[in-house]
Protein backbone atom coordinates (compact mmCIF):
# COMPACT_ATOMS: atom_id res chain seq x y z
CA MET A 1 61.10 53.03 48.72
CA LYS A 2 58.57 50.43 47.77
CA TYR A 3 60.71 47.70 49.49
CA ARG A 4 60.80 49.70 52.64
CA LYS A 5 57.00 50.18 52.75
CA MET A 6 56.58 46.42 52.08
CA LYS A 7 59.06 45.59 54.87
CA CYS A 8 57.22 47.86 57.37
CA ALA A 9 53.83 46.37 56.42
CA GLY A 10 55.21 42.88 56.89
CA ILE A 11 56.63 43.75 60.31
CA ALA A 12 53.38 45.34 61.30
CA ILE A 13 51.38 42.24 60.23
CA LEU A 14 53.83 39.96 62.04
CA VAL A 15 53.45 42.09 65.27
CA LEU A 16 49.69 41.87 65.03
CA VAL A 17 49.81 38.11 64.50
CA ALA A 18 52.18 37.70 67.45
CA ILE A 19 49.79 39.77 69.72
CA ALA A 20 46.86 37.72 68.55
CA ALA A 21 48.73 34.49 69.25
CA LEU A 22 49.73 35.60 72.70
CA GLY A 23 46.20 36.74 73.52
CA TRP A 24 44.83 33.37 72.24
CA GLY A 25 47.39 31.44 74.32
CA VAL A 26 46.53 33.41 77.47
CA THR A 27 42.86 32.84 76.88
CA LEU A 28 43.36 29.15 76.51
CA LEU A 29 45.67 28.82 79.51
CA TRP A 30 43.48 30.86 81.74
CA ASN A 31 40.33 29.03 80.84
CA TRP A 32 42.03 25.66 81.34
CA VAL A 33 43.83 26.33 84.56
CA MET A 34 42.18 29.03 86.66
CA PRO A 35 38.58 27.63 86.89
CA ALA A 36 40.01 24.24 87.88
CA LEU A 37 42.23 25.73 90.62
CA PHE A 38 40.04 28.36 92.14
CA VAL A 39 36.35 27.93 92.90
CA GLY A 40 34.42 30.80 91.41
CA ALA A 41 37.07 31.79 88.87
CA ARG A 42 35.42 32.75 85.68
CA THR A 43 36.64 32.16 82.09
CA ILE A 44 37.80 35.07 80.09
CA ASP A 45 37.50 36.09 76.52
CA PHE A 46 40.11 37.45 74.07
CA PRO A 47 40.02 41.17 75.04
CA HIS A 48 40.38 40.29 78.71
CA ALA A 49 43.44 38.14 77.77
CA LEU A 50 45.05 41.06 76.00
CA GLY A 51 44.35 43.22 79.09
CA LEU A 52 46.12 40.64 81.21
CA LEU A 53 49.05 40.80 78.87
CA VAL A 54 49.17 44.60 79.16
CA LEU A 55 48.80 44.38 82.98
CA SER A 56 51.66 41.87 83.21
CA ARG A 57 53.80 44.23 81.00
CA ILE A 58 53.08 47.04 83.44
CA LEU A 59 53.63 45.11 86.56
CA PHE A 60 56.60 42.85 85.66
CA GLY A 61 58.55 45.00 83.27
CA GLY A 62 58.01 43.41 79.85
CA PHE A 63 58.31 40.30 77.78
CA ARG A 64 62.03 40.66 76.94
CA GLY A 65 63.02 39.05 80.19
CA HIS A 66 65.06 40.20 83.12
CA GLY A 67 64.36 43.90 82.79
CA GLY A 68 66.05 44.55 79.43
CA LEU A 69 67.98 47.74 79.24
CA TRP A 70 67.41 48.77 82.85
CA ARG A 71 69.28 45.76 84.10
CA HIS A 72 72.17 46.42 81.69
CA ARG A 73 72.45 49.94 82.94
CA ARG A 74 72.49 48.84 86.59
CA HIS A 75 75.32 46.31 85.92
CA TRP A 76 77.22 49.00 84.06
CA ARG A 77 76.95 51.40 87.00
CA LYS A 78 78.30 48.74 89.30
CA TRP A 79 81.20 48.01 86.96
CA GLU A 80 81.98 51.73 86.69
CA ALA A 81 81.97 52.06 90.53
CA MET A 82 84.59 49.26 90.92
CA THR A 83 88.22 50.01 91.44
CA PRO A 84 90.71 48.41 88.91
CA GLU A 85 91.66 45.76 91.45
CA GLU A 86 87.95 44.88 92.04
CA ARG A 87 87.37 44.60 88.27
CA GLU A 88 90.40 42.30 87.84
CA ARG A 89 89.17 40.05 90.70
CA PHE A 90 85.67 39.97 89.25
CA HIS A 91 86.99 39.21 85.76
CA SER A 92 89.29 36.42 86.92
CA ALA A 93 86.49 34.86 89.01
CA TRP A 94 84.13 35.10 85.96
CA LEU A 95 86.73 33.39 83.82
CA ALA A 96 87.23 30.61 86.36
CA ARG A 97 83.53 29.93 86.48
CA ARG A 98 83.34 29.79 82.74
CA GLU A 99 86.15 27.26 82.42
CA THR A 100 84.89 24.79 85.03
CA PRO A 101 82.71 22.02 83.62
CA GLU A 102 78.97 22.19 84.22
CA ARG A 103 77.79 20.26 87.26
CA GLN A 104 75.30 17.56 86.38
């Protein structure tokens, strides 16, 4: 039981440190890039950077990349809608692409 509490506390601290690092990074990047690119753009502070992170999460669907679980479900629905012949053609085309060497 004690180990579990320590593990949860460690994960919570790691999450807080990650959020702080992301906020700090957004603050630095914004204050470095935006005022130089756009006349009249103001610098931001840490709370505004965290707000930008939350806004980007809401607008663009998260930090996991490519939509996470929703994209997987969409692909699964497409797969389920295919006939067995279509699945076989898709699978053989996928294997052929995997076996060809990468273009440089």
